[in-house]
Protein backbone atom coordinates (compact mmCIF):
# COMPACT_ATOMS: atom_id res chain seq x y z
CA UNK A 1 -30.44 -34.73 8.03
CA UNK A 2 -34.14 -34.54 8.59
CA UNK A 3 -35.03 -31.29 10.89
CA UNK A 4 -38.31 -29.78 12.04
CA UNK A 5 -38.43 -26.08 10.74
CA UNK A 6 -40.87 -22.81 10.07
CA UNK A 7 -40.03 -20.18 7.60
CA UNK A 8 -42.40 -17.32 9.28
CA UNK A 9 -44.35 -17.10 12.30
CA UNK A 10 -47.66 -18.49 13.11
CA UNK A 11 -49.86 -21.43 14.53
CA UNK A 12 -47.86 -24.70 14.89
CA UNK A 13 -50.03 -26.87 12.19
CA UNK A 14 -49.97 -23.74 9.64
CA UNK A 15 -45.90 -23.00 9.57
CA UNK A 16 -44.28 -26.20 11.35
CA UNK A 17 -42.56 -28.42 8.85
CA UNK A 18 -40.49 -31.18 8.60
CA UNK A 19 -38.16 -32.44 6.04
CA UNK A 20 -34.14 -32.87 4.47
CA UNK A 21 -31.57 -29.73 5.35
CA UNK A 22 -28.26 -30.23 5.14
CA UNK A 23 -26.08 -31.32 7.95
CA UNK A 24 -24.39 -28.83 9.94
CA UNK A 25 -20.42 -29.16 9.96
CA UNK A 26 -19.21 -28.00 13.56
CA UNK A 27 -16.93 -24.67 13.13
CA UNK A 28 -13.76 -23.70 15.38
CA UNK A 29 -14.33 -24.23 18.80
CA UNK A 30 -17.66 -26.09 18.14
CA UNK A 31 -19.01 -29.52 18.31
CA UNK A 32 -21.52 -31.08 16.72
CA UNK A 33 -24.37 -33.00 18.38
CA UNK A 34 -26.23 -35.94 17.16
CA UNK A 35 -29.99 -35.38 19.08
CA UNK A 36 -31.31 -38.33 20.40
CA UNK A 37 -34.49 -36.33 21.86
CA UNK A 38 -35.37 -32.55 21.64
CA UNK A 39 -36.98 -30.85 24.54
CA UNK A 40 -39.91 -28.49 23.86
CA UNK A 41 -40.34 -25.41 26.08
CA UNK A 42 -42.95 -22.86 26.23
CA UNK A 43 -40.63 -20.28 25.01
CA UNK A 44 -39.83 -22.20 22.40
CA UNK A 45 -43.88 -22.33 21.12
CA UNK A 46 -44.05 -18.67 21.93
CA UNK A 47 -41.07 -17.85 19.44
CA UNK A 48 -42.70 -19.49 16.84
CA UNK A 49 -46.48 -17.96 17.61
CA UNK A 50 -44.31 -14.63 17.24
CA UNK A 51 -42.93 -13.26 20.52
CA UNK A 52 -39.48 -13.71 18.63
CA UNK A 53 -40.20 -11.95 15.24
CA UNK A 54 -38.61 -14.36 12.60
CA UNK A 55 -35.57 -12.41 10.66
CA UNK A 56 -33.84 -15.03 8.95
CA UNK A 57 -35.19 -17.37 6.36
CA UNK A 58 -35.65 -20.59 8.47
CA UNK A 59 -35.86 -21.61 11.68
CA UNK A 60 -35.19 -25.09 13.34
CA UNK A 61 -36.85 -24.46 16.59
CA UNK A 62 -35.92 -25.88 20.10
CA UNK A 63 -32.65 -24.94 22.41
CA UNK A 64 -32.63 -28.09 24.67
CA UNK A 65 -31.55 -31.77 23.60
CA UNK A 66 -29.96 -34.59 24.69
CA UNK A 67 -27.48 -36.12 22.41
CA UNK A 68 -23.90 -37.72 21.56
CA UNK A 69 -20.94 -35.39 20.16
CA UNK A 70 -20.21 -36.94 17.12
CA UNK A 71 -18.06 -34.53 15.32
CA UNK A 72 -15.72 -31.70 16.63
CA UNK A 73 -14.38 -28.35 15.10
CA UNK A 74 -11.04 -26.91 15.41
CA UNK A 75 -9.61 -26.08 18.65
CA UNK A 76 -11.79 -28.86 20.22
CA UNK A 77 -10.49 -31.63 21.87
CA UNK A 78 -10.96 -35.19 19.81
CA UNK A 79 -11.55 -36.71 23.11
CA UNK A 80 -15.19 -35.36 22.79
CA UNK A 81 -15.97 -37.45 20.71
CA UNK A 82 -18.84 -39.95 21.40
CA UNK A 83 -19.27 -37.74 24.63
CA UNK A 84 -23.38 -37.51 25.75
CA UNK A 85 -24.49 -34.66 26.52
CA UNK A 86 -27.51 -31.87 26.76
CA UNK A 87 -27.55 -28.55 25.28
CA UNK A 88 -28.88 -25.07 26.20
CA UNK A 89 -29.57 -21.94 24.29
CA UNK A 90 -29.50 -23.62 20.99
CA UNK A 91 -32.04 -21.54 19.40
CA UNK A 92 -31.40 -18.39 21.20
CA UNK A 93 -30.05 -16.14 19.19
CA UNK A 94 -29.09 -18.56 16.53
CA UNK A 95 -31.49 -19.57 13.51
CA UNK A 96 -30.54 -23.63 14.21
CA UNK A 97 -31.80 -25.28 16.93
CA UNK A 98 -32.04 -28.81 18.22
CA UNK A 99 -35.29 -30.23 16.63
CA UNK A 100 -33.09 -31.92 14.05
CA UNK A 101 -31.06 -34.90 13.77
CA UNK A 102 -27.48 -32.73 14.43
CA UNK A 103 -27.03 -29.65 15.70
CA UNK A 104 -23.66 -28.10 15.75
CA UNK A 105 -22.82 -25.82 18.86
CA UNK A 106 -20.35 -23.68 20.71
CA UNK A 107 -18.47 -26.55 22.61
CA UNK A 108 -19.36 -24.96 26.04
CA UNK A 109 -23.19 -25.11 25.26
CA UNK A 110 -23.00 -29.25 25.21
CA UNK A 111 -22.64 -30.25 28.61
CA UNK A 112 -21.38 -34.04 30.00
CA UNK A 113 -24.51 -35.93 30.67
CA UNK A 114 -23.94 -38.76 33.25
CA UNK A 115 -24.19 -42.39 32.07
CA UNK A 116 -27.22 -43.15 34.05
CA UNK A 117 -29.55 -39.97 33.00
CA UNK A 118 -31.38 -40.92 29.98
CA UNK A 119 -31.05 -38.64 27.11
CA UNK A 120 -34.92 -37.74 27.86
CA UNK A 121 -34.00 -36.35 30.66
CA UNK A 122 -31.00 -34.44 28.93
CA UNK A 123 -33.49 -32.64 26.32
CA UNK A 124 -35.33 -31.03 29.89
CA UNK A 125 -32.61 -29.72 31.13
CA UNK A 126 -31.34 -26.54 29.64
CA UNK A 127 -34.35 -24.57 30.18
CA UNK A 128 -36.52 -25.99 32.78
CA UNK A 129 -33.80 -27.53 35.44
CA UNK A 130 -31.48 -24.23 34.69
CA UNK A 131 -34.27 -21.86 35.35
CA UNK A 132 -35.44 -23.45 38.42
CA UNK A 133 -31.70 -24.16 40.23
CA UNK A 134 -31.13 -19.94 39.36
CA UNK A 135 -34.29 -19.32 41.09
CA UNK A 136 -33.65 -21.02 43.98
CA UNK A 137 -29.95 -19.56 43.85
CA UNK A 138 -31.36 -15.96 43.14
CA UNK A 139 -33.82 -16.63 46.52
CA UNK A 140 -31.01 -17.60 48.84
CA UNK A 141 -32.88 -20.87 49.87
CA UNK A 142 -31.65 -22.43 52.32
CA UNK A 143 -32.08 -24.30 55.99
CA UNK A 144 -35.05 -22.86 58.06
CA UNK A 145 -36.28 -20.73 55.10
CA UNK A 146 -39.89 -21.33 53.77
CA UNK A 147 -40.22 -21.23 49.83
CA UNK A 148 -43.47 -21.04 48.11
CA UNK A 149 -43.58 -22.34 44.47
CA UNK A 150 -46.32 -21.89 42.52
CA UNK A 151 -47.74 -25.15 40.03
CA UNK A 152 -45.71 -27.43 41.59
CA UNK A 153 -45.91 -30.36 38.68
CA UNK A 154 -44.43 -28.03 36.41
CA UNK A 155 -41.80 -28.22 33.92
CA UNK A 156 -39.59 -25.76 36.09
CA UNK A 157 -41.36 -26.09 39.25
CA UNK A 158 -40.99 -29.63 39.93
CA UNK A 159 -37.12 -29.23 39.87
CA UNK A 160 -37.53 -26.03 41.91
CA UNK A 161 -38.96 -28.05 44.65
CA UNK A 162 -35.92 -30.35 44.43
CA UNK A 163 -33.44 -27.62 44.60
CA UNK A 164 -34.92 -26.25 47.11
CA UNK A 165 -35.16 -29.03 49.22
CA UNK A 166 -31.44 -30.31 48.36
CA UNK A 167 -30.73 -26.82 50.13
CA UNK A 168 -32.79 -27.66 53.33
CA UNK A 169 -35.69 -25.41 52.47
CA UNK A 170 -39.52 -25.66 53.62
CA UNK A 171 -41.15 -26.13 50.23
CA UNK A 172 -45.01 -25.28 50.17
CA UNK A 173 -46.33 -25.73 46.17
CA UNK A 174 -49.62 -25.41 44.59
CA UNK A 175 -51.73 -27.43 42.41
CA UNK A 176 -54.68 -28.10 40.55
CA UNK A 177 -55.61 -31.69 41.14
CA UNK A 178 -54.60 -34.86 42.97
CA UNK A 179 -52.67 -36.11 40.12
CA UNK A 180 -50.43 -33.35 39.84
CA UNK A 181 -49.93 -33.28 43.74
CA UNK A 182 -48.73 -36.76 43.41
CA UNK A 183 -45.78 -35.34 41.29
CA UNK A 184 -45.11 -32.45 44.15
CA UNK A 185 -45.08 -34.44 46.39
CA UNK A 186 -42.71 -37.27 44.53
CA UNK A 187 -40.13 -34.27 44.12
CA UNK A 188 -40.24 -33.59 47.79
CA UNK A 189 -42.76 -30.57 48.81
CA UNK A 190 -43.28 -30.27 52.55
CA UNK A 191 -46.89 -29.12 51.75
CA UNK A 192 -49.01 -29.10 48.84
CA UNK A 193 -52.55 -26.81 48.60
CA UNK A 194 -54.72 -27.59 45.93
CA UNK A 195 -55.56 -24.02 44.57
CA UNK A 196 -59.47 -24.82 43.20
CA UNK A 197 -60.12 -26.66 46.54
CA UNK A 198 -58.67 -24.69 48.95
CA UNK A 199 -58.17 -20.94 50.04
CA UNK A 200 -54.25 -20.39 49.44
CA UNK A 201 -53.51 -17.18 51.43
CA UNK A 202 -55.36 -19.23 54.48
CA UNK A 203 -53.54 -22.15 54.13
CA UNK A 204 -50.16 -20.43 53.93
CA UNK A 205 -50.87 -18.59 56.65
CA UNK A 206 -51.87 -21.46 58.86
CA UNK A 207 -48.54 -23.68 57.48
CA UNK A 208 -46.36 -20.71 58.34
CA UNK A 209 -48.12 -19.58 61.51
CA UNK A 210 -49.43 -16.69 60.12
CA UNK A 211 -45.93 -15.13 59.32
CA UNK A 212 -46.11 -15.84 55.30
CA UNK A 213 -43.15 -17.39 53.16
CA UNK A 214 -39.48 -15.89 53.17
CA UNK A 215 -39.60 -16.29 49.47
CA UNK A 216 -42.13 -17.22 46.08
CA UNK A 217 -41.03 -18.74 43.00
CA UNK A 218 -43.63 -17.33 40.38
CA UNK A 219 -44.18 -19.15 37.04
CA UNK A 220 -46.98 -16.70 36.24
CA UNK A 221 -46.62 -13.39 38.01
CA UNK A 222 -49.59 -11.66 35.80
CA UNK A 223 -51.98 -13.87 37.78
CA UNK A 224 -50.87 -14.60 40.76
CA UNK A 225 -49.27 -11.09 41.90
CA UNK A 226 -52.46 -10.86 43.69
CA UNK A 227 -52.18 -13.48 46.21
CA UNK A 228 -48.72 -11.83 47.50
CA UNK A 229 -50.34 -9.89 50.35
CA UNK A 230 -51.74 -13.38 51.74
CA UNK A 231 -49.04 -15.70 51.48
CA UNK A 232 -45.46 -13.32 51.80
CA UNK A 233 -43.91 -12.28 54.81
CA UNK A 234 -42.50 -8.88 55.17
CA UNK A 235 -39.44 -7.93 53.55
CA UNK A 236 -40.03 -11.31 51.28
CA UNK A 237 -38.73 -12.08 48.03
CA UNK A 238 -40.51 -12.63 44.49
CA UNK A 239 -38.24 -14.13 42.05
CA UNK A 240 -40.31 -14.46 38.39
CA UNK A 241 -39.57 -16.54 35.79
CA UNK A 242 -42.98 -16.44 33.79
CA UNK A 243 -45.95 -14.20 32.80
CA UNK A 244 -48.69 -15.07 30.76
CA UNK A 245 -50.01 -11.39 30.21
CA UNK A 246 -48.10 -8.81 29.19
CA UNK A 247 -49.43 -6.35 31.98
CA UNK A 248 -49.87 -7.49 35.84
CA UNK A 249 -51.37 -5.65 38.54
CA UNK A 250 -49.13 -5.81 40.96
CA UNK A 251 -50.64 -4.80 44.85
CA UNK A 252 -47.72 -2.38 44.92
CA UNK A 253 -48.97 -0.51 48.41
CA UNK A 254 -48.20 -3.84 50.12
CA UNK A 255 -45.08 -3.92 48.42
CA UNK A 256 -44.23 -0.80 49.48
CA UNK A 257 -44.97 -0.91 52.78
CA UNK A 258 -43.75 -4.40 53.49
CA UNK A 259 -40.50 -3.40 51.51
CA UNK A 260 -41.02 -6.86 49.09
CA UNK A 261 -38.41 -7.22 46.32
CA UNK A 262 -39.56 -8.47 43.27
CA UNK A 263 -36.74 -10.21 40.86
CA UNK A 264 -37.24 -11.02 37.69
CA UNK A 265 -35.06 -13.73 35.81
CA UNK A 266 -34.84 -15.21 32.15
CA UNK A 267 -32.51 -17.97 31.85
CA UNK A 268 -31.01 -17.16 28.10
CA UNK A 269 -29.36 -14.03 29.60
CA UNK A 270 -27.58 -15.37 32.75
CA UNK A 271 -24.58 -14.49 33.35
CA UNK A 272 -20.77 -17.08 32.46
CA UNK A 273 -20.77 -17.20 36.31
CA UNK A 274 -24.83 -17.51 36.80
CA UNK A 275 -24.95 -20.55 34.72
CA UNK A 276 -21.56 -22.39 35.94
CA UNK A 277 -23.36 -22.75 39.33
CA UNK A 278 -26.55 -23.74 37.63
CA UNK A 279 -24.73 -26.25 35.55
CA UNK A 280 -22.69 -27.36 38.78
CA UNK A 281 -25.69 -28.04 40.86
CA UNK A 282 -27.83 -29.58 38.24
CA UNK A 283 -24.44 -32.10 37.85
CA UNK A 284 -24.11 -32.83 41.40
CA UNK A 285 -27.63 -33.84 42.28
CA UNK A 286 -27.71 -35.90 39.07
CA UNK A 287 -24.18 -37.71 40.15
CA UNK A 288 -25.79 -37.88 43.63
CA UNK A 289 -28.90 -39.59 41.89
CA UNK A 290 -31.24 -37.33 43.49
CA UNK A 291 -32.66 -35.47 40.44
CA UNK A 292 -35.89 -36.80 39.56
CA UNK A 293 -37.16 -35.82 35.89
CA UNK A 294 -40.86 -35.58 35.00
CA UNK A 295 -41.11 -36.82 31.44
CA UNK A 296 -45.09 -36.04 30.70
CA UNK A 297 -45.33 -36.62 26.91
CA UNK A 298 -42.91 -38.01 24.29
CA UNK A 299 -43.55 -37.62 20.44
CA UNK A 300 -41.94 -38.54 17.25
CA UNK A 301 -40.48 -35.48 15.06
CA UNK A 302 -43.10 -36.38 12.54
CA UNK A 303 -45.76 -35.32 15.24
CA UNK A 304 -43.97 -31.97 15.80
CA UNK A 305 -47.34 -30.05 15.38
CA UNK A 306 -48.76 -32.08 18.48
CA UNK A 307 -46.24 -31.49 20.42
CA UNK A 308 -46.34 -27.83 19.79
CA UNK A 309 -49.87 -27.80 21.02
CA UNK A 310 -49.39 -29.82 23.62
CA UNK A 311 -47.36 -27.43 25.30
CA UNK A 312 -49.20 -24.44 24.25
CA UNK A 313 -52.43 -25.70 25.34
CA UNK A 314 -51.24 -26.91 29.03
CA UNK A 315 -52.46 -30.24 28.49
CA UNK A 316 -49.50 -32.17 29.96
CA UNK A 317 -48.04 -31.76 33.72
CA UNK A 318 -44.33 -31.91 33.17
CA UNK A 319 -41.62 -31.99 29.98
CA UNK A 320 -42.56 -32.76 26.57
CA UNK A 321 -39.93 -34.22 24.43
CA UNK A 322 -39.72 -35.44 20.75
CA UNK A 323 -37.37 -38.11 19.48
CA UNK A 324 -35.33 -38.03 16.50
């Protein structure tokens, strides 16, 4: 089979290669998925660059994919052959992920994909949609609650807006341009703040009657922590799913006096119950045809380097996928 791989950490153009590899066989309790599209996430490019040091001879990157089960291992019902699926955690603590024509993985990590949902969209669910669903769940989003979603055009935030709205919350989001505002508006955001042209804190206070929001869903806490005193009400909650820096300056006195809760989440290590809730919510909204997918750019397998660089450099707003 054809696959992308790397054998050492480093820059995309220095270490990523495309070549022939043995086609995997599914083991006990596993299915083999013929990959149609593989999703490229920030954590994938960070892992390749060195956030996760390579400890095996070779890595096939990426955890997310949309494809079709073409073979099952012992203990898995043959009825799953031909099933359209999406995957999660395919390359978490495993050497071979989804940037290949085939991937073998535990049967539970291949989730049924509704017939009306494209394989491109399926490749966006494992990390972006599941992170968003879990973040909204942890925030306790509900009717009467106001949530601030940072970076509303991003891969996770675009889904988070939708999940929060599905639960009845009022959603405020930040963007950096009018095209990104259109994406956030399409997702259902009630109020959109262009942080390059507007004062975020002043706008949030104006929109919330001076009270601040009940919860913040934060994609880059290291950069945005300074805004908390301006946007968050007392006893508010911050759900943190991303950081661009290893150290953040936190307004600790504000957090102490106002009894703010900072909650970090990590999609790779959800409990079985947390993941089941996220999968159920993703599936429900897809079945109801209420989930909008933002496929920002599609690359070929041969253009794996360009795909990684596009994600790494933040040149696209939304999900990047690779066509096998």
